[in-house]
Structures are given as structure tokens and as C-alpha cells.
Amino acid sequence: MAIKNKVVIIMGATSGMGRATALKLNKEGAKVFISGRRKERLEEIAKEVAYPENLKYLTADVSQPQEVRAVIDQAIADFGRVDVLFNNAGVMPLGRLSDPNYDISVWKRIFDTNLIGVLNGIKAVLPQMQKQQSGLVISTSSVVGHVVMPAGAAYSASKFGVRAIMETLRQEENQNGIRSAIISPGATNTELIHSIGNEAIEKNLSESFGNDADYSLRAEDIANAVAYIVDQPEHVDVNEMIIRPRKQEI
């Protein structure tokens, strides 16, 4: 089954990689259901896609299970099934452990979005995929879900956790026809950088990313990777992809 006519739900679709993936898959003929917290952004995407009749949307906060469940239910009501769930919502506050502002309130926000959000998506979509005996769940991790760096303790922990969740999903559900995939991007020039919450770190990373594609991926690069995974036949399970700009060191 190629991309055309597949039903794809994208959580965290209002900007960056989620938005680029929605535009890409819609153009390739998928039926795309997008979600995020900013309704105005969802409305903008609905006007930009190549085939607006094949795009629906609903606002949701991934940390709230009832809102995620509503997205899954509405997608099924609109399109009849769910072939792919892309758990892409994420935040990236950074800070050293000694930083007084890098505390439990920040950590909770990271884990509620990056970890609980992934679990909520999986929990909500599994009954439908089990019923179908088919489905693909893709979740966004990060290069720092494989290695750590200063100022990234909680963020890295959340992204290591995504990998643990997804490998568990693979082992539990592969006999039900359900596939799992993790995409771990390196430095990517998206709005995510503005969630860092530390001006010095944000300025340093912004200057490092710059406009040089050798040092920074574009959202479209990740969208192409998602499209590749979605386009694979049912017997192929692309479990993990690490995608870095060519000159990234870590």
C-alpha cells in the first residue's frame, strides 16, 4: 500500500516537521488529519495543502489523553480507519542542572509533552490498529535521545524514553500487524528552538544553525524521511532513522 489514500494522523502539526510532513503526504495523495494546540495554524495549513478535501483537523494538547482520544475518534469518523500515527509534538527547554530556573515545572512540561504525549497517542490508536490488524506508529526522538550534552538532561531523558516506549511497542504489537518507527533528527531549523527558555543557549544554537544546510536540517528533510517510512510495504518495518546535517559533530 503506497502513500496514496493512506490515512495519516499527525500530532504536533502546527509548525516545523509536522507541518512539512502534512504538506508532503497530502501532496502524495494521503488523507491527512492534523492536530496541535494552535487552531489558527491548523486553519492555515488546511488552506495551503494541495488537496484540501483530503485534510481534516482538530485542536488538541497531547498531554491530555481525552483530547488525543478525540483526535483519533474524529479521524476514524472522517476517514474510516487509521493507517499511520505520527507522534511529533515536542518541546525543548534546556538548562544546566545548577540553573535555578531549570526546575520541576520545566521538567514536567518536557515529560508531559515529549513522553506522556507519545504514550497518549499510542494508547488511543492501538484499539483501532489492533482491530485492523495493521498500522504504523512513528514517533520523533532526537540525536540527543542517543547521546547527551550539557544543558539537556531532561530533554535527552525524554527522547531516550521515546525510544524505550517505541521498542516496547514493537515487541508487544508486531504480531498484530502493527509497525513502529523512530525518527531521530539532528540540528533542525524549526520553531522548536524558541521553546528553549534560556536566551544564551537559544542565541548560541541559533547562530550555530544559521542558514547553512551543512549544519542544519530543514523541516522538509524530515518530511521526506517520514514519507519514505510510510511508503514501505507492510512486511517492512523501518524501526529507526538517525538524520543529521552533514557537519554536525554529536
Protein backbone atom coordinates (compact mmCIF):
# COMPACT_ATOMS: atom_id res chain seq x y z
CA MET A 1 0.00 0.00 0.00
CA ALA A 2 1.64 3.22 -1.17
CA ILE A 3 1.17 6.64 0.40
CA LYS A 4 -1.87 7.43 -1.73
CA ASN A 5 -5.15 7.03 0.20
CA LYS A 6 -3.42 6.11 3.47
CA VAL A 7 -4.98 7.78 6.50
CA VAL A 8 -2.28 9.60 8.48
CA ILE A 9 -2.74 11.41 11.80
CA ILE A 10 -0.05 13.96 12.67
CA MET A 11 0.16 15.20 16.26
CA GLY A 12 2.18 18.39 16.64
CA ALA A 13 1.42 19.53 13.10
CA THR A 14 1.19 23.29 13.51
CA SER A 15 4.79 24.09 12.56
CA GLY A 16 8.15 22.67 11.58
CA MET A 17 8.44 18.98 10.84
CA GLY A 18 4.76 18.25 11.47
CA ARG A 19 3.58 20.96 9.10
CA ALA A 20 6.09 19.96 6.41
CA THR A 21 5.02 16.33 6.72
CA ALA A 22 1.33 17.24 6.40
CA LEU A 23 2.01 19.18 3.20
CA LYS A 24 4.22 16.42 1.80
CA LEU A 25 1.90 13.49 2.48
CA ASN A 26 -1.20 15.37 1.33
CA LYS A 27 0.57 16.18 -1.93
CA GLU A 28 1.40 12.48 -2.30
CA GLY A 29 -2.28 11.60 -2.02
CA ALA A 30 -2.65 10.64 1.65
CA LYS A 31 -5.70 11.53 3.70
CA VAL A 32 -4.19 13.60 6.48
CA PHE A 33 -5.66 14.50 9.85
CA ILE A 34 -3.61 17.13 11.67
CA SER A 35 -3.67 18.28 15.27
CA GLY A 36 -1.95 20.78 17.50
CA ARG A 37 -2.74 23.42 20.10
CA ARG A 38 -2.96 26.42 17.75
CA LYS A 39 -6.19 26.39 15.76
CA GLU A 40 -5.16 29.29 13.56
CA ARG A 41 -2.09 27.37 12.39
CA LEU A 42 -4.20 24.30 11.57
CA GLU A 43 -6.53 26.52 9.55
CA GLU A 44 -3.57 27.98 7.64
CA ILE A 45 -2.27 24.51 6.73
CA ALA A 46 -5.75 23.50 5.55
CA LYS A 47 -5.57 26.38 3.05
CA GLU A 48 -2.04 25.52 1.89
CA VAL A 49 -2.35 21.82 1.07
CA ALA A 50 -2.61 20.54 -2.48
CA TYR A 51 -5.81 18.59 -1.81
CA PRO A 52 -7.88 20.36 0.88
CA GLU A 53 -10.65 17.77 0.64
CA ASN A 54 -8.17 15.21 1.99
CA LEU A 55 -7.21 17.18 5.10
CA LYS A 56 -9.11 17.49 8.38
CA TYR A 57 -8.01 18.93 11.71
CA LEU A 58 -8.83 19.22 15.39
CA THR A 59 -7.01 21.08 18.16
CA ALA A 60 -5.52 19.01 20.96
CA ASP A 61 -2.91 19.11 23.71
CA VAL A 62 -1.05 15.79 23.58
CA SER A 63 -0.59 15.78 27.36
CA GLN A 64 -4.37 15.45 27.74
CA PRO A 65 -5.50 11.88 26.97
CA GLN A 66 -9.13 12.78 26.34
CA GLU A 67 -8.10 15.34 23.72
CA VAL A 68 -5.85 12.84 21.95
CA ARG A 69 -8.63 10.25 22.03
CA ALA A 70 -10.95 12.81 20.42
CA VAL A 71 -8.48 13.28 17.55
CA ILE A 72 -8.30 9.53 16.89
CA ASP A 73 -12.08 9.17 17.06
CA GLN A 74 -12.66 12.10 14.71
CA ALA A 75 -10.12 10.81 12.19
CA ILE A 76 -11.88 7.45 12.16
CA ALA A 77 -15.25 9.17 11.76
CA ASP A 78 -13.93 11.26 8.84
CA PHE A 79 -11.78 8.69 7.05
CA GLY A 80 -12.89 5.27 8.35
CA ARG A 81 -9.53 3.98 9.58
CA VAL A 82 -6.05 4.98 10.76
CA ASP A 83 -3.04 3.71 8.87
CA VAL A 84 -0.36 5.92 10.42
CA LEU A 85 0.03 7.91 13.64
CA PHE A 86 2.93 10.36 13.71
CA ASN A 87 3.68 11.42 17.30
CA ASN A 88 5.59 14.61 16.57
CA ALA A 89 4.59 17.09 19.29
CA GLY A 90 7.55 18.21 21.36
CA VAL A 91 9.17 20.97 23.41
CA MET A 92 12.88 21.57 24.07
CA PRO A 93 13.55 23.65 27.21
CA LEU A 94 17.26 23.47 28.02
CA GLY A 95 19.29 24.41 31.08
CA ARG A 96 22.08 23.18 33.30
CA LEU A 97 21.07 21.23 36.38
CA SER A 98 22.52 24.03 38.55
CA ASP A 99 20.30 26.66 36.86
CA PRO A 100 17.66 27.78 39.41
CA ASN A 101 15.10 28.27 36.62
CA TYR A 102 15.62 24.74 35.30
CA ASP A 103 13.35 23.01 37.78
CA ILE A 104 10.38 20.68 38.27
CA SER A 105 7.92 22.94 36.43
CA VAL A 106 10.14 22.86 33.33
CA TRP A 107 10.85 19.13 33.61
CA LYS A 108 7.15 18.35 33.97
CA ARG A 109 6.36 20.31 30.81
CA ILE A 110 9.03 18.37 28.92
CA PHE A 111 7.87 14.96 30.09
CA ASP A 112 4.15 15.73 29.75
CA THR A 113 4.62 16.66 26.09
CA ASN A 114 7.54 14.56 24.87
CA LEU A 115 6.82 11.34 26.79
CA ILE A 116 3.24 11.31 28.06
CA GLY A 117 2.13 12.73 24.72
CA VAL A 118 3.63 9.75 22.89
CA LEU A 119 2.04 7.30 25.33
CA ASN A 120 -1.33 9.03 24.98
CA GLY A 121 -1.17 8.75 21.20
CA ILE A 122 -0.27 5.07 21.28
CA LYS A 123 -2.91 4.25 23.89
CA ALA A 124 -5.61 5.99 21.87
CA VAL A 125 -4.78 4.48 18.48
CA LEU A 126 -3.97 0.88 19.44
CA PRO A 127 -7.57 -0.42 19.65
CA GLN A 128 -8.23 0.69 16.05
CA MET A 129 -4.94 -0.68 14.73
CA GLN A 130 -5.47 -3.98 16.57
CA LYS A 131 -8.94 -4.21 15.06
CA GLN A 132 -7.49 -3.58 11.60
CA GLN A 133 -4.52 -5.89 12.27
CA SER A 134 -2.37 -3.23 10.65
CA GLY A 135 -0.94 0.18 11.37
CA LEU A 136 2.24 2.21 11.71
CA VAL A 137 3.24 4.42 14.64
CA ILE A 138 6.06 6.90 14.06
CA SER A 139 7.48 8.98 16.91
CA THR A 140 10.04 11.77 16.90
CA SER A 141 13.05 11.21 19.13
CA SER A 142 16.33 13.11 18.63
CA VAL A 143 20.05 12.65 18.22
CA VAL A 144 20.18 13.56 21.92
CA GLY A 145 18.00 10.53 22.52
CA HIS A 146 21.21 8.60 21.68
CA VAL A 147 23.89 10.85 23.20
CA VAL A 148 23.78 13.54 25.88
CA MET A 149 25.03 17.11 26.03
CA PRO A 150 25.32 19.78 28.73
CA ALA A 151 22.04 21.62 29.45
CA GLY A 152 19.95 18.80 28.03
CA ALA A 153 19.35 16.44 30.95
CA ALA A 154 15.55 16.40 30.96
CA TYR A 155 15.17 16.83 27.21
CA SER A 156 17.59 13.97 26.49
CA ALA A 157 15.88 11.82 29.11
CA SER A 158 12.54 12.37 27.38
CA LYS A 159 13.97 11.44 23.99
CA PHE A 160 15.76 8.35 25.32
CA GLY A 161 12.37 7.49 26.80
CA VAL A 162 10.64 7.78 23.43
CA ARG A 163 12.99 5.13 22.07
CA ALA A 164 12.21 2.82 25.00
CA ILE A 165 8.46 3.26 24.51
CA MET A 166 8.66 2.59 20.79
CA GLU A 167 10.82 -0.52 21.12
CA THR A 168 8.37 -1.86 23.68
CA LEU A 169 5.52 -1.15 21.26
CA ARG A 170 7.36 -3.03 18.52
CA GLN A 171 7.85 -6.11 20.69
CA GLU A 172 4.28 -6.09 22.02
CA GLU A 173 2.38 -5.45 18.78
CA ASN A 174 4.38 -6.78 15.81
CA GLN A 175 2.28 -9.96 15.77
CA ASN A 176 -0.82 -7.77 15.36
CA GLY A 177 0.49 -6.27 12.15
CA ILE A 178 1.48 -3.02 13.85
CA ARG A 179 4.81 -1.47 12.92
CA SER A 180 6.85 1.12 14.80
CA ALA A 181 9.39 3.70 13.69
CA ILE A 182 11.51 6.34 15.39
CA ILE A 183 12.99 9.34 13.63
CA SER A 184 15.90 10.99 15.44
CA PRO A 185 16.73 14.34 13.84
CA GLY A 186 19.89 16.26 14.47
CA ALA A 187 20.01 20.06 14.41
CA THR A 188 16.90 21.19 12.54
CA ASN A 189 15.94 24.77 11.80
CA THR A 190 12.36 24.93 13.15
CA GLU A 191 10.37 26.85 15.76
CA LEU A 192 11.33 24.23 18.35
CA ILE A 193 14.45 26.23 19.11
CA HIS A 194 12.23 29.00 20.52
CA SER A 195 10.99 26.69 23.29
CA ILE A 196 14.46 26.51 24.88
CA GLY A 197 13.65 29.14 27.52
CA ASN A 198 17.29 30.19 28.02
CA GLU A 199 18.34 33.22 25.98
CA ALA A 200 22.06 32.44 25.97
CA ILE A 201 21.59 28.83 24.86
CA GLU A 202 19.00 29.80 22.27
CA LYS A 203 21.27 32.51 20.82
CA ASN A 204 24.21 30.11 20.65
CA LEU A 205 22.20 27.38 18.92
CA SER A 206 20.54 29.85 16.54
CA GLU A 207 23.95 31.12 15.45
CA SER A 208 25.22 27.55 15.06
CA PHE A 209 22.25 26.53 12.92
CA GLY A 210 22.37 29.58 10.69
CA ASN A 211 21.28 29.14 7.09
CA ASP A 212 23.95 26.62 6.13
CA ALA A 213 22.30 23.31 5.25
CA ASP A 214 25.56 21.52 6.09
CA TYR A 215 24.96 22.45 9.75
CA SER A 216 21.18 22.43 9.97
CA LEU A 217 18.43 20.28 8.51
CA ARG A 218 15.21 21.74 7.17
CA ALA A 219 11.75 20.52 8.18
CA GLU A 220 11.28 19.19 4.66
CA ASP A 221 14.23 16.82 5.14
CA ILE A 222 12.36 15.11 7.97
CA ALA A 223 9.11 15.11 6.00
CA ASN A 224 10.90 13.21 3.24
CA ALA A 225 12.06 10.63 5.78
CA VAL A 226 8.54 10.18 7.12
CA ALA A 227 7.25 9.73 3.58
CA TYR A 228 9.87 7.04 2.95
CA ILE A 229 8.78 5.10 6.04
CA VAL A 230 5.07 5.43 5.23
CA ASP A 231 5.67 4.28 1.66
CA GLN A 232 7.20 0.93 2.65
CA PRO A 233 5.20 -2.29 2.15
CA GLU A 234 3.50 -3.94 5.12
CA HIS A 235 6.26 -6.51 5.65
CA VAL A 236 8.96 -3.84 6.01
CA ASP A 237 9.40 -2.23 9.43
CA VAL A 238 11.86 0.68 9.40
CA ASN A 239 12.41 0.84 13.15
CA GLU A 240 14.81 3.75 13.49
CA MET A 241 16.38 6.52 11.44
CA ILE A 242 19.03 8.99 12.65
CA ILE A 243 19.23 12.03 10.38
CA ARG A 244 21.94 14.64 10.88
CA PRO A 245 23.15 17.61 8.88
CA ARG A 246 26.44 16.56 7.31
CA LYS A 247 28.70 18.70 9.53
CA GLN A 248 27.01 18.03 12.88
CA GLU A 249 29.57 16.65 15.34
CA ILE A 250 27.45 14.95 18.03
